[in-house]
PDB file of N, CA and C in Angstrom:
ATOM      1  N   UNK A   1       0.845  -1.189   0.000  1.00  0.00           N
ATOM      2  CA  UNK A   1       0.000   0.000   0.000  1.00  0.00           C
ATOM      3  C   UNK A   1       0.880   1.239   0.000  1.00  0.00           C
ATOM      4  N   UNK A   2       0.555   2.198  -0.848  1.00  0.00           N
ATOM      5  CA  UNK A   2       1.326   3.434  -0.923  1.00  0.00           C
ATOM      6  C   UNK A   2       0.893   4.387   0.179  1.00  0.00           C
ATOM      7  N   UNK A   3       1.852   5.049   0.766  1.00  0.00           N
ATOM      8  CA  UNK A   3       1.549   6.059   1.778  1.00  0.00           C
ATOM      9  C   UNK A   3       1.226   7.368   1.067  1.00  0.00           C
ATOM     10  N   UNK A   4       0.116   7.991   1.427  1.00  0.00           N
ATOM     11  CA  UNK A   4      -0.288   9.256   0.822  1.00  0.00           C
ATOM     12  C   UNK A   4       0.515  10.393   1.428  1.00  0.00           C
ATOM     13  N   UNK A   5       1.084  11.209   0.592  1.00  0.00           N
ATOM     14  CA  UNK A   5       1.840  12.363   1.057  1.00  0.00           C
ATOM     15  C   UNK A   5       1.135  13.621   0.583  1.00  0.00           C
ATOM     16  N   UNK A   6       1.124  14.666   1.405  1.00  0.00           N
ATOM     17  CA  UNK A   6       0.476  15.911   0.976  1.00  0.00           C
ATOM     18  C   UNK A   6       1.314  16.622  -0.088  1.00  0.00           C
ATOM     19  N   UNK A   7       0.643  17.267  -1.005  1.00  0.00           N
ATOM     20  CA  UNK A   7       1.304  18.074  -2.015  1.00  0.00           C
ATOM     21  C   UNK A   7       0.898  19.515  -1.752  1.00  0.00           C
ATOM     22  N   UNK A   8       1.808  20.345  -1.281  1.00  0.00           N
ATOM     23  CA  UNK A   8       1.435  21.701  -0.877  1.00  0.00           C
ATOM     24  C   UNK A   8       1.254  22.653  -2.051  1.00  0.00           C
ATOM     25  N   UNK A   9       0.448  23.680  -1.827  1.00  0.00           N
ATOM     26  CA  UNK A   9       0.369  24.806  -2.740  1.00  0.00           C
ATOM     27  C   UNK A   9       1.551  25.698  -2.389  1.00  0.00           C
ATOM     28  N   UNK A  10       2.288  26.148  -3.386  1.00  0.00           N
ATOM     29  CA  UNK A  10       3.483  26.951  -3.143  1.00  0.00           C
ATOM     30  C   UNK A  10       3.271  28.381  -3.618  1.00  0.00           C
ATOM     31  N   UNK A  11       3.819  29.331  -2.873  1.00  0.00           N
ATOM     32  CA  UNK A  11       3.839  30.735  -3.262  1.00  0.00           C
ATOM     33  C   UNK A  11       5.299  31.117  -3.450  1.00  0.00           C
ATOM     34  N   UNK A  12       5.689  31.513  -4.658  1.00  0.00           N
ATOM     35  CA  UNK A  12       7.067  31.872  -4.931  1.00  0.00           C
ATOM     36  C   UNK A  12       7.075  33.066  -5.865  1.00  0.00           C
ATOM     37  N   UNK A  13       7.699  34.147  -5.433  1.00  0.00           N
ATOM     38  CA  UNK A  13       7.794  35.384  -6.219  1.00  0.00           C
ATOM     39  C   UNK A  13       6.426  35.822  -6.720  1.00  0.00           C
ATOM     40  N   UNK A  14       5.461  35.826  -5.805  1.00  0.00           N
ATOM     41  CA  UNK A  14       4.087  36.276  -6.065  1.00  0.00           C
ATOM     42  C   UNK A  14       3.353  35.460  -7.130  1.00  0.00           C
ATOM     43  N   UNK A  15       3.760  34.208  -7.308  1.00  0.00           N
ATOM     44  CA  UNK A  15       3.071  33.296  -8.222  1.00  0.00           C
ATOM     45  C   UNK A  15       2.611  32.088  -7.424  1.00  0.00           C
ATOM     46  N   UNK A  16       1.389  31.637  -7.680  1.00  0.00           N
ATOM     47  CA  UNK A  16       0.830  30.472  -7.005  1.00  0.00           C
ATOM     48  C   UNK A  16       1.095  29.242  -7.859  1.00  0.00           C
ATOM     49  N   UNK A  17       1.727  28.239  -7.252  1.00  0.00           N
ATOM     50  CA  UNK A  17       1.978  26.967  -7.922  1.00  0.00           C
ATOM     51  C   UNK A  17       1.228  25.880  -7.162  1.00  0.00           C
ATOM     52  N   UNK A  18       0.539  25.026  -7.876  1.00  0.00           N
ATOM     53  CA  UNK A  18      -0.094  23.891  -7.236  1.00  0.00           C
ATOM     54  C   UNK A  18       0.220  22.647  -8.046  1.00  0.00           C
ATOM     55  N   UNK A  19       0.310  21.503  -7.376  1.00  0.00           N
ATOM     56  CA  UNK A  19       0.673  20.270  -8.077  1.00  0.00           C
ATOM     57  C   UNK A  19      -0.454  19.810  -9.006  1.00  0.00           C
ATOM     58  N   UNK A  20      -0.074  19.253 -10.119  1.00  0.00           N
ATOM     59  CA  UNK A  20      -1.047  18.781 -11.097  1.00  0.00           C
ATOM     60  C   UNK A  20      -1.486  17.352 -10.745  1.00  0.00           C
ATOM     61  N   UNK A  21      -1.995  17.200  -9.532  1.00  0.00           N
ATOM     62  CA  UNK A  21      -2.479  15.904  -9.074  1.00  0.00           C
ATOM     63  C   UNK A  21      -3.956  15.763  -9.424  1.00  0.00           C
ATOM     64  N   UNK A  22      -4.461  14.561  -9.341  1.00  0.00           N
ATOM     65  CA  UNK A  22      -5.873  14.296  -9.606  1.00  0.00           C
ATOM     66  C   UNK A  22      -6.761  15.128  -8.675  1.00  0.00           C
ATOM     67  N   UNK A  23      -6.331  15.252  -7.418  1.00  0.00           N
ATOM     68  CA  UNK A  23      -7.115  16.003  -6.431  1.00  0.00           C
ATOM     69  C   UNK A  23      -7.312  17.454  -6.863  1.00  0.00           C
ATOM     70  N   UNK A  24      -6.289  18.080  -7.409  1.00  0.00           N
ATOM     71  CA  UNK A  24      -6.424  19.467  -7.858  1.00  0.00           C
ATOM     72  C   UNK A  24      -7.106  19.547  -9.220  1.00  0.00           C
ATOM     73  N   UNK A  25      -6.569  18.849 -10.216  1.00  0.00           N
ATOM     74  CA  UNK A  25      -7.087  19.012 -11.570  1.00  0.00           C
ATOM     75  C   UNK A  25      -8.527  18.525 -11.712  1.00  0.00           C
ATOM     76  N   UNK A  26      -8.841  17.392 -11.158  1.00  0.00           N
ATOM     77  CA  UNK A  26     -10.187  16.838 -11.309  1.00  0.00           C
ATOM     78  C   UNK A  26     -11.120  17.262 -10.180  1.00  0.00           C
ATOM     79  N   UNK A  27     -10.729  16.959  -8.937  1.00  0.00           N
ATOM     80  CA  UNK A  27     -11.634  17.186  -7.809  1.00  0.00           C
ATOM     81  C   UNK A  27     -11.851  18.665  -7.499  1.00  0.00           C
ATOM     82  N   UNK A  28     -10.777  19.452  -7.449  1.00  0.00           N
ATOM     83  CA  UNK A  28     -10.904  20.860  -7.065  1.00  0.00           C
ATOM     84  C   UNK A  28     -11.359  21.741  -8.224  1.00  0.00           C
ATOM     85  N   UNK A  29     -10.742  21.579  -9.408  1.00  0.00           N
ATOM     86  CA  UNK A  29     -11.037  22.482 -10.506  1.00  0.00           C
ATOM     87  C   UNK A  29     -11.956  21.888 -11.566  1.00  0.00           C
ATOM     88  N   UNK A  30     -12.187  20.578 -11.528  1.00  0.00           N
ATOM     89  CA  UNK A  30     -13.096  19.948 -12.476  1.00  0.00           C
ATOM     90  C   UNK A  30     -12.575  19.917 -13.902  1.00  0.00           C
ATOM     91  N   UNK A  31     -11.260  19.803 -14.086  1.00  0.00           N
ATOM     92  CA  UNK A  31     -10.664  19.779 -15.415  1.00  0.00           C
ATOM     93  C   UNK A  31     -10.546  18.347 -15.932  1.00  0.00           C
ATOM     94  N   UNK A  32     -10.583  18.203 -17.251  1.00  0.00           N
ATOM     95  CA  UNK A  32     -10.238  16.944 -17.893  1.00  0.00           C
ATOM     96  C   UNK A  32      -8.754  16.996 -18.229  1.00  0.00           C
ATOM     97  N   UNK A  33      -8.035  15.927 -17.975  1.00  0.00           N
ATOM     98  CA  UNK A  33      -6.615  15.876 -18.311  1.00  0.00           C
ATOM     99  C   UNK A  33      -6.336  14.662 -19.183  1.00  0.00           C
ATOM    100  N   UNK A  34      -5.298  14.777 -19.997  1.00  0.00           N
ATOM    101  CA  UNK A  34      -4.901  13.662 -20.864  1.00  0.00           C
ATOM    102  C   UNK A  34      -3.407  13.752 -21.118  1.00  0.00           C
ATOM    103  N   UNK A  35      -2.802  12.600 -21.403  1.00  0.00           N
ATOM    104  CA  UNK A  35      -1.379  12.549 -21.725  1.00  0.00           C
ATOM    105  C   UNK A  35      -1.166  11.578 -22.865  1.00  0.00           C
ATOM    106  N   UNK A  36      -0.370  11.995 -23.846  1.00  0.00           N
ATOM    107  CA  UNK A  36       0.126  11.064 -24.851  1.00  0.00           C
ATOM    108  C   UNK A  36       1.494  11.556 -25.318  1.00  0.00           C
ATOM    109  N   UNK A  37       2.254  10.686 -25.956  1.00  0.00           N
ATOM    110  CA  UNK A  37       3.629  11.018 -26.327  1.00  0.00           C
ATOM    111  C   UNK A  37       3.709  12.070 -27.425  1.00  0.00           C
ATOM    112  N   UNK A  38       2.675  12.218 -28.221  1.00  0.00           N
ATOM    113  CA  UNK A  38       2.694  13.200 -29.306  1.00  0.00           C
ATOM    114  C   UNK A  38       2.352  14.600 -28.791  1.00  0.00           C
ATOM    115  N   UNK A  39       1.248  14.720 -28.032  1.00  0.00           N
ATOM    116  CA  UNK A  39       0.763  16.027 -27.595  1.00  0.00           C
ATOM    117  C   UNK A  39       1.190  16.400 -26.174  1.00  0.00           C
ATOM    118  N   UNK A  40       1.687  15.448 -25.411  1.00  0.00           N
ATOM    119  CA  UNK A  40       2.081  15.723 -24.028  1.00  0.00           C
ATOM    120  C   UNK A  40       0.880  15.830 -23.105  1.00  0.00           C
ATOM    121  N   UNK A  41       1.009  16.660 -22.076  1.00  0.00           N
ATOM    122  CA  UNK A  41      -0.032  16.826 -21.056  1.00  0.00           C
ATOM    123  C   UNK A  41      -1.025  17.872 -21.517  1.00  0.00           C
ATOM    124  N   UNK A  42      -2.314  17.549 -21.481  1.00  0.00           N
ATOM    125  CA  UNK A  42      -3.360  18.475 -21.907  1.00  0.00           C
ATOM    126  C   UNK A  42      -4.375  18.656 -20.795  1.00  0.00           C
ATOM    127  N   UNK A  43      -4.872  19.871 -20.672  1.00  0.00           N
ATOM    128  CA  UNK A  43      -5.908  20.200 -19.696  1.00  0.00           C
ATOM    129  C   UNK A  43      -7.039  20.884 -20.439  1.00  0.00           C
ATOM    130  N   UNK A  44      -8.272  20.481 -20.144  1.00  0.00           N
ATOM    131  CA  UNK A  44      -9.434  21.165 -20.714  1.00  0.00           C
ATOM    132  C   UNK A  44     -10.520  21.251 -19.662  1.00  0.00           C
ATOM    133  N   UNK A  45     -11.320  22.310 -19.739  1.00  0.00           N
ATOM    134  CA  UNK A  45     -12.409  22.505 -18.779  1.00  0.00           C
ATOM    135  C   UNK A  45     -13.528  21.524 -19.079  1.00  0.00           C
ATOM    136  N   UNK A  46     -14.200  21.086 -18.035  1.00  0.00           N
ATOM    137  CA  UNK A  46     -15.337  20.173 -18.179  1.00  0.00           C
ATOM    138  C   UNK A  46     -16.584  20.971 -18.530  1.00  0.00           C
ATOM    139  N   UNK A  47     -17.593  20.297 -19.013  1.00  0.00           N
ATOM    140  CA  UNK A  47     -18.866  20.932 -19.314  1.00  0.00           C
ATOM    141  C   UNK A  47     -19.616  21.309 -18.049  1.00  0.00           C
ATOM    142  N   UNK A  48     -20.810  21.859 -18.205  1.00  0.00           N
ATOM    143  CA  UNK A  48     -21.591  22.285 -17.044  1.00  0.00           C
ATOM    144  C   UNK A  48     -22.009  21.081 -16.209  1.00  0.00           C
ATOM    145  N   UNK A  49     -22.149  21.304 -14.930  1.00  0.00           N
ATOM    146  CA  UNK A  49     -22.459  20.234 -13.992  1.00  0.00           C
ATOM    147  C   UNK A  49     -23.910  20.299 -13.551  1.00  0.00           C
ATOM    148  N   UNK A  50     -24.434  19.176 -13.148  1.00  0.00           N
ATOM    149  CA  UNK A  50     -25.779  19.169 -12.596  1.00  0.00           C
ATOM    150  C   UNK A  50     -25.739  19.815 -11.211  1.00  0.00           C
ATOM    151  N   UNK A  51     -26.878  20.190 -10.680  1.00  0.00           N
ATOM    152  CA  UNK A  51     -26.950  20.838  -9.362  1.00  0.00           C
ATOM    153  C   UNK A  51     -26.317  19.965  -8.283  1.00  0.00           C
ATOM    154  N   UNK A  52     -26.594  18.679  -8.306  1.00  0.00           N
ATOM    155  CA  UNK A  52     -26.031  17.775  -7.307  1.00  0.00           C
ATOM    156  C   UNK A  52     -24.517  17.695  -7.438  1.00  0.00           C
ATOM    157  N   UNK A  53     -24.021  17.585  -8.654  1.00  0.00           N
ATOM    158  CA  UNK A  53     -22.579  17.528  -8.878  1.00  0.00           C
ATOM    159  C   UNK A  53     -21.919  18.840  -8.477  1.00  0.00           C
ATOM    160  N   UNK A  54     -22.584  19.977  -8.759  1.00  0.00           N
ATOM    161  CA  UNK A  54     -22.038  21.278  -8.345  1.00  0.00           C
ATOM    162  C   UNK A  54     -21.903  21.346  -6.833  1.00  0.00           C
ATOM    163  N   UNK A  55     -22.904  20.889  -6.119  1.00  0.00           N
ATOM    164  CA  UNK A  55     -22.863  20.902  -4.657  1.00  0.00           C
ATOM    165  C   UNK A  55     -21.748  20.000  -4.139  1.00  0.00           C
ATOM    166  N   UNK A  56     -21.606  18.812  -4.740  1.00  0.00           N
ATOM    167  CA  UNK A  56     -20.528  17.905  -4.343  1.00  0.00           C
ATOM    168  C   UNK A  56     -19.168  18.541  -4.586  1.00  0.00           C
ATOM    169  N   UNK A  57     -19.017  19.204  -5.750  1.00  0.00           N
ATOM    170  CA  UNK A  57     -17.751  19.872  -6.056  1.00  0.00           C
ATOM    171  C   UNK A  57     -17.470  21.002  -5.076  1.00  0.00           C
ATOM    172  N   UNK A  58     -18.504  21.757  -4.691  1.00  0.00           N
ATOM    173  CA  UNK A  58     -18.328  22.846  -3.731  1.00  0.00           C
ATOM    174  C   UNK A  58     -17.867  22.290  -2.388  1.00  0.00           C
ATOM    175  N   UNK A  59     -18.474  21.215  -1.945  1.00  0.00           N
ATOM    176  CA  UNK A  59     -18.076  20.588  -0.679  1.00  0.00           C
ATOM    177  C   UNK A  59     -16.652  20.046  -0.772  1.00  0.00           C
ATOM    178  N   UNK A  60     -16.290  19.487  -1.924  1.00  0.00           N
ATOM    179  CA  UNK A  60     -14.938  18.962  -2.116  1.00  0.00           C
ATOM    180  C   UNK A  60     -13.912  20.093  -2.105  1.00  0.00           C
ATOM    181  N   UNK A  61     -14.248  21.238  -2.714  1.00  0.00           N
ATOM    182  CA  UNK A  61     -13.347  22.389  -2.700  1.00  0.00           C
ATOM    183  C   UNK A  61     -13.074  22.858  -1.281  1.00  0.00           C
ATOM    184  N   UNK A  62     -14.119  22.937  -0.471  1.00  0.00           N
ATOM    185  CA  UNK A  62     -13.951  23.354   0.920  1.00  0.00           C
ATOM    186  C   UNK A  62     -13.057  22.372   1.652  1.00  0.00           C
ATOM    187  N   UNK A  63     -13.309  21.085   1.481  1.00  0.00           N
ATOM    188  CA  UNK A  63     -12.508  20.062   2.152  1.00  0.00           C
ATOM    189  C   UNK A  63     -11.053  20.114   1.683  1.00  0.00           C
ATOM    190  N   UNK A  64     -10.815  20.221   0.369  1.00  0.00           N
ATOM    191  CA  UNK A  64      -9.444  20.297  -0.147  1.00  0.00           C
ATOM    192  C   UNK A  64      -8.725  21.524   0.369  1.00  0.00           C
ATOM    193  N   UNK A  65      -9.425  22.633   0.460  1.00  0.00           N
ATOM    194  CA  UNK A  65      -8.809  23.855   0.954  1.00  0.00           C
ATOM    195  C   UNK A  65      -8.395  23.695   2.408  1.00  0.00           C
ATOM    196  N   UNK A  66      -9.218  23.094   3.211  1.00  0.00           N
ATOM    197  CA  UNK A  66      -8.889  22.903   4.624  1.00  0.00           C
ATOM    198  C   UNK A  66      -7.707  21.946   4.780  1.00  0.00           C
ATOM    199  N   UNK A  67      -7.639  20.920   3.932  1.00  0.00           N
ATOM    200  CA  UNK A  67      -6.521  19.984   3.972  1.00  0.00           C
ATOM    201  C   UNK A  67      -5.211  20.714   3.677  1.00  0.00           C
ATOM    202  N   UNK A  68      -5.246  21.696   2.783  1.00  0.00           N
ATOM    203  CA  UNK A  68      -4.048  22.446   2.405  1.00  0.00           C
ATOM    204  C   UNK A  68      -3.755  23.602   3.356  1.00  0.00           C
ATOM    205  N   UNK A  69      -4.403  23.648   4.496  1.00  0.00           N
ATOM    206  CA  UNK A  69      -4.152  24.720   5.450  1.00  0.00           C
ATOM    207  C   UNK A  69      -4.831  26.021   5.080  1.00  0.00           C
ATOM    208  N   UNK A  70      -5.731  25.991   4.136  1.00  0.00           N
ATOM    209  CA  UNK A  70      -6.482  27.185   3.774  1.00  0.00           C
ATOM    210  C   UNK A  70      -5.660  28.250   3.080  1.00  0.00           C
ATOM    211  N   UNK A  71      -4.619  27.864   2.362  1.00  0.00           N
ATOM    212  CA  UNK A  71      -3.772  28.843   1.688  1.00  0.00           C
ATOM    213  C   UNK A  71      -4.394  29.361   0.398  1.00  0.00           C
ATOM    214  N   UNK A  72      -5.375  28.650  -0.116  1.00  0.00           N
ATOM    215  CA  UNK A  72      -5.970  29.011  -1.391  1.00  0.00           C
ATOM    216  C   UNK A  72      -7.401  28.492  -1.411  1.00  0.00           C
ATOM    217  N   UNK A  73      -8.340  29.341  -1.757  1.00  0.00           N
ATOM    218  CA  UNK A  73      -9.732  28.914  -1.877  1.00  0.00           C
ATOM    219  C   UNK A  73     -10.235  29.298  -3.258  1.00  0.00           C
ATOM    220  N   UNK A  74     -11.051  28.439  -3.851  1.00  0.00           N
ATOM    221  CA  UNK A  74     -11.608  28.693  -5.174  1.00  0.00           C
ATOM    222  C   UNK A  74     -13.120  28.730  -5.050  1.00  0.00           C
ATOM    223  N   UNK A  75     -13.726  29.766  -5.628  1.00  0.00           N
ATOM    224  CA  UNK A  75     -15.177  29.874  -5.622  1.00  0.00           C
ATOM    225  C   UNK A  75     -15.611  30.518  -6.930  1.00  0.00           C
ATOM    226  N   UNK A  76     -16.428  29.808  -7.685  1.00  0.00           N
ATOM    227  CA  UNK A  76     -16.867  30.338  -8.975  1.00  0.00           C
ATOM    228  C   UNK A  76     -15.679  30.577  -9.885  1.00  0.00           C
ATOM    229  N   UNK A  77     -15.570  31.795 -10.396  1.00  0.00           N
ATOM    230  CA  UNK A  77     -14.480  32.159 -11.301  1.00  0.00           C
ATOM    231  C   UNK A  77     -13.317  32.834 -10.584  1.00  0.00           C
ATOM    232  N   UNK A  78     -13.260  32.699  -9.239  1.00  0.00           N
ATOM    233  CA  UNK A  78     -12.268  33.435  -8.461  1.00  0.00           C
ATOM    234  C   UNK A  78     -11.412  32.530  -7.596  1.00  0.00           C
ATOM    235  N   UNK A  79     -10.147  32.927  -7.430  1.00  0.00           N
ATOM    236  CA  UNK A  79      -9.213  32.289  -6.513  1.00  0.00           C
ATOM    237  C   UNK A  79      -8.915  33.305  -5.414  1.00  0.00           C
ATOM    238  N   UNK A  80      -9.061  32.913  -4.180  1.00  0.00           N
ATOM    239  CA  UNK A  80      -8.781  33.778  -3.035  1.00  0.00           C
ATOM    240  C   UNK A  80      -7.519  33.283  -2.353  1.00  0.00           C
ATOM    241  N   UNK A  81      -6.571  34.181  -2.115  1.00  0.00           N
ATOM    242  CA  UNK A  81      -5.300  33.761  -1.542  1.00  0.00           C
ATOM    243  C   UNK A  81      -4.577  34.930  -0.883  1.00  0.00           C
ATOM    244  N   UNK A  82      -3.561  34.580  -0.103  1.00  0.00           N
ATOM    245  CA  UNK A  82      -2.612  35.546   0.422  1.00  0.00           C
ATOM    246  C   UNK A  82      -1.409  35.430  -0.498  1.00  0.00           C
ATOM    247  N   UNK A  83      -1.283  36.300  -1.515  1.00  0.00           N
ATOM    248  CA  UNK A  83      -0.341  36.073  -2.602  1.00  0.00           C
ATOM    249  C   UNK A  83       1.133  36.259  -2.282  1.00  0.00           C
ATOM    250  N   UNK A  84       1.464  36.907  -1.189  1.00  0.00           N
ATOM    251  CA  UNK A  84       2.868  37.181  -0.924  1.00  0.00           C
ATOM    252  C   UNK A  84       3.152  37.137   0.565  1.00  0.00           C
ATOM    253  N   UNK A  85       4.221  36.434   0.933  1.00  0.00           N
ATOM    254  CA  UNK A  85       4.593  36.391   2.347  1.00  0.00           C
ATOM    255  C   UNK A  85       5.302  37.681   2.770  1.00  0.00           C
ATOM    256  N   UNK A  86       5.865  38.432   1.810  1.00  0.00           N
ATOM    257  CA  UNK A  86       6.574  39.662   2.157  1.00  0.00           C
ATOM    258  C   UNK A  86       5.612  40.825   2.415  1.00  0.00           C
ATOM    259  N   UNK A  87       4.502  40.871   1.717  1.00  0.00           N
ATOM    260  CA  UNK A  87       3.463  41.868   1.972  1.00  0.00           C
ATOM    261  C   UNK A  87       2.131  41.155   2.146  1.00  0.00           C
ATOM    262  N   UNK A  88       1.820  40.758   3.388  1.00  0.00           N
ATOM    263  CA  UNK A  88       0.598  39.987   3.632  1.00  0.00           C
ATOM    264  C   UNK A  88      -0.660  40.736   3.200  1.00  0.00           C
ATOM    265  N   UNK A  89      -1.597  39.986   2.650  1.00  0.00           N
ATOM    266  CA  UNK A  89      -2.874  40.548   2.239  1.00  0.00           C
ATOM    267  C   UNK A  89      -3.833  39.417   1.906  1.00  0.00           C
ATOM    268  N   UNK A  90      -5.035  39.792   1.587  1.00  0.00           N
ATOM    269  CA  UNK A  90      -6.022  38.862   1.043  1.00  0.00           C
ATOM    270  C   UNK A  90      -6.367  39.403  -0.332  1.00  0.00           C
ATOM    271  N   UNK A  91      -6.210  38.579  -1.346  1.00  0.00           N
ATOM    272  CA  UNK A  91      -6.475  39.018  -2.715  1.00  0.00           C
ATOM    273  C   UNK A  91      -7.393  38.045  -3.418  1.00  0.00           C
ATOM    274  N   UNK A  92      -8.073  38.552  -4.429  1.00  0.00           N
ATOM    275  CA  UNK A  92      -8.967  37.754  -5.260  1.00  0.00           C
ATOM    276  C   UNK A  92      -8.459  37.847  -6.694  1.00  0.00           C
ATOM    277  N   UNK A  93      -8.216  36.694  -7.323  1.00  0.00           N
ATOM    278  CA  UNK A  93      -7.724  36.627  -8.697  1.00  0.00           C
ATOM    279  C   UNK A  93      -8.750  35.898  -9.545  1.00  0.00           C
ATOM    280  N   UNK A  94      -8.940  36.351 -10.763  1.00  0.00           N
ATOM    281  CA  UNK A  94      -9.812  35.601 -11.668  1.00  0.00           C
ATOM    282  C   UNK A  94      -9.063  34.341 -12.097  1.00  0.00           C
ATOM    283  N   UNK A  95      -9.788  33.267 -12.312  1.00  0.00           N
ATOM    284  CA  UNK A  95      -9.173  31.994 -12.674  1.00  0.00           C
ATOM    285  C   UNK A  95      -8.366  32.114 -13.960  1.00  0.00           C
ATOM    286  N   UNK A  96      -8.826  32.945 -14.896  1.00  0.00           N
ATOM    287  CA  UNK A  96      -8.079  33.095 -16.150  1.00  0.00           C
ATOM    288  C   UNK A  96      -6.885  34.045 -16.024  1.00  0.00           C
ATOM    289  N   UNK A  97      -6.692  34.637 -14.841  1.00  0.00           N
ATOM    290  CA  UNK A  97      -5.544  35.502 -14.598  1.00  0.00           C
ATOM    291  C   UNK A  97      -5.695  36.924 -15.117  1.00  0.00           C
ATOM    292  N   UNK A  98      -6.849  37.287 -15.636  1.00  0.00           N
ATOM    293  CA  UNK A  98      -7.020  38.615 -16.235  1.00  0.00           C
ATOM    294  C   UNK A  98      -7.282  39.720 -15.221  1.00  0.00           C
ATOM    295  N   UNK A  99      -7.650  39.358 -13.998  1.00  0.00           N
ATOM    296  CA  UNK A  99      -8.021  40.366 -13.014  1.00  0.00           C
ATOM    297  C   UNK A  99      -7.514  39.984 -11.628  1.00  0.00           C
ATOM    298  N   UNK A 100      -7.046  40.972 -10.880  1.00  0.00           N
ATOM    299  CA  UNK A 100      -6.609  40.755  -9.498  1.00  0.00           C
ATOM    300  C   UNK A 100      -7.057  41.937  -8.654  1.00  0.00           C
ATOM    301  N   UNK A 101      -7.589  41.660  -7.472  1.00  0.00           N
ATOM    302  CA  UNK A 101      -8.060  42.718  -6.595  1.00  0.00           C
ATOM    303  C   UNK A 101      -7.623  42.433  -5.165  1.00  0.00           C
ATOM    304  N   UNK A 102      -6.984  43.401  -4.526  1.00  0.00           N
ATOM    305  CA  UNK A 102      -6.611  43.281  -3.122  1.00  0.00           C
ATOM    306  C   UNK A 102      -7.861  43.553  -2.285  1.00  0.00           C
ATOM    307  N   UNK A 103      -8.170  42.642  -1.370  1.00  0.00           N
ATOM    308  CA  UNK A 103      -9.368  42.776  -0.551  1.00  0.00           C
ATOM    309  C   UNK A 103      -9.072  43.333   0.841  1.00  0.00           C
ATOM    310  N   UNK A 104      -7.892  43.014   1.386  1.00  0.00           N
ATOM    311  CA  UNK A 104      -7.534  43.541   2.707  1.00  0.00           C
ATOM    312  C   UNK A 104      -6.029  43.440   2.909  1.00  0.00           C
ATOM    313  N   UNK A 105      -5.539  44.125   3.953  1.00  0.00           N
ATOM    314  CA  UNK A 105      -4.125  44.063   4.323  1.00  0.00           C
ATOM    315  C   UNK A 105      -3.865  42.981   5.365  1.00  0.00           C
ATOM    316  N   UNK A 106      -4.893  42.211   5.713  1.00  0.00           N
ATOM    317  CA  UNK A 106      -4.749  41.159   6.713  1.00  0.00           C
ATOM    318  C   UNK A 106      -3.814  40.060   6.210  1.00  0.00           C
ATOM    319  N   UNK A 107      -3.068  39.450   7.119  1.00  0.00           N
ATOM    320  CA  UNK A 107      -2.246  38.286   6.804  1.00  0.00           C
ATOM    321  C   UNK A 107      -3.164  37.069   6.831  1.00  0.00           C
ATOM    322  N   UNK A 108      -3.943  36.894   5.776  1.00  0.00           N
ATOM    323  CA  UNK A 108      -5.023  35.897   5.736  1.00  0.00           C
ATOM    324  C   UNK A 108      -4.480  34.473   5.655  1.00  0.00           C
ATOM    325  N   UNK A 109      -5.019  33.615   6.502  1.00  0.00           N
ATOM    326  CA  UNK A 109      -4.729  32.179   6.508  1.00  0.00           C
ATOM    327  C   UNK A 109      -6.055  31.451   6.711  1.00  0.00           C
ATOM    328  N   UNK A 110      -6.060  30.162   6.479  1.00  0.00           N
ATOM    329  CA  UNK A 110      -7.280  29.350   6.609  1.00  0.00           C
ATOM    330  C   UNK A 110      -8.428  29.976   5.828  1.00  0.00           C
ATOM    331  N   UNK A 111      -8.138  30.371   4.600  1.00  0.00           N
ATOM    332  CA  UNK A 111      -9.118  31.050   3.748  1.00  0.00           C
ATOM    333  C   UNK A 111     -10.176  30.050   3.296  1.00  0.00           C
ATOM    334  N   UNK A 112     -11.425  30.475   3.372  1.00  0.00           N
ATOM    335  CA  UNK A 112     -12.532  29.642   2.936  1.00  0.00           C
ATOM    336  C   UNK A 112     -13.614  30.546   2.374  1.00  0.00           C
ATOM    337  N   UNK A 113     -14.273  30.118   1.319  1.00  0.00           N
ATOM    338  CA  UNK A 113     -15.334  30.893   0.698  1.00  0.00           C
ATOM    339  C   UNK A 113     -16.580  30.026   0.648  1.00  0.00           C
ATOM    340  N   UNK A 114     -17.677  30.553   1.194  1.00  0.00           N
ATOM    341  CA  UNK A 114     -18.961  29.865   1.157  1.00  0.00           C
ATOM    342  C   UNK A 114     -19.993  30.866   0.662  1.00  0.00           C
ATOM    343  N   UNK A 115     -20.587  30.563  -0.478  1.00  0.00           N
ATOM    344  CA  UNK A 115     -21.529  31.458  -1.141  1.00  0.00           C
ATOM    345  C   UNK A 115     -20.878  32.829  -1.329  1.00  0.00           C
ATOM    346  N   UNK A 116     -21.449  33.897  -0.762  1.00  0.00           N
ATOM    347  CA  UNK A 116     -20.907  35.246  -0.931  1.00  0.00           C
ATOM    348  C   UNK A 116     -20.019  35.681   0.224  1.00  0.00           C
ATOM    349  N   UNK A 117     -19.637  34.759   1.114  1.00  0.00           N
ATOM    350  CA  UNK A 117     -18.858  35.117   2.299  1.00  0.00           C
ATOM    351  C   UNK A 117     -17.446  34.544   2.228  1.00  0.00           C
ATOM    352  N   UNK A 118     -16.475  35.348   2.654  1.00  0.00           N
ATOM    353  CA  UNK A 118     -15.075  34.921   2.736  1.00  0.00           C
ATOM    354  C   UNK A 118     -14.722  34.822   4.216  1.00  0.00           C
ATOM    355  N   UNK A 119     -14.247  33.663   4.626  1.00  0.00           N
ATOM    356  CA  UNK A 119     -13.835  33.437   6.003  1.00  0.00           C
ATOM    357  C   UNK A 119     -12.337  33.192   6.026  1.00  0.00           C
ATOM    358  N   UNK A 120     -11.650  33.754   6.993  1.00  0.00           N
ATOM    359  CA  UNK A 120     -10.217  33.514   7.144  1.00  0.00           C
ATOM    360  C   UNK A 120      -9.771  33.892   8.543  1.00  0.00           C
ATOM    361  N   UNK A 121      -8.590  33.419   8.920  1.00  0.00           N
ATOM    362  CA  UNK A 121      -8.002  33.798  10.210  1.00  0.00           C
ATOM    363  C   UNK A 121      -6.835  34.732   9.954  1.00  0.00           C
ATOM    364  N   UNK A 122      -6.487  35.490  10.991  1.00  0.00           N
ATOM    365  CA  UNK A 122      -5.384  36.436  10.890  1.00  0.00           C
ATOM    366  C   UNK A 122      -4.337  36.055  11.914  1.00  0.00           C
TER     367      UNK A 122
END
């Protein structure tokens, strides 16, 4: 039996890196992934989900975020994180990377998003 090891989300030079594990790509973000020797690693977004599947995915996102120490939370089209250890804050980034907004100067940890509410510790 293989021992499960945690794969942390990393913050380096104001960039968020997360491992391309099944838990992140499929469970957290709902992406389809594929690999072959000609095209390499491919990622594509999944189609729309049923209400029940959406609820399951939302619950899985909350659970995955708590497992990772709450360093990154995903809700809808937004990623919530404390992007830099040198200048602590709480920021919201669009998933496609086109938009970023600073929400507070708090050194946010244990970040969690439920519906329209953002919860975190300082």
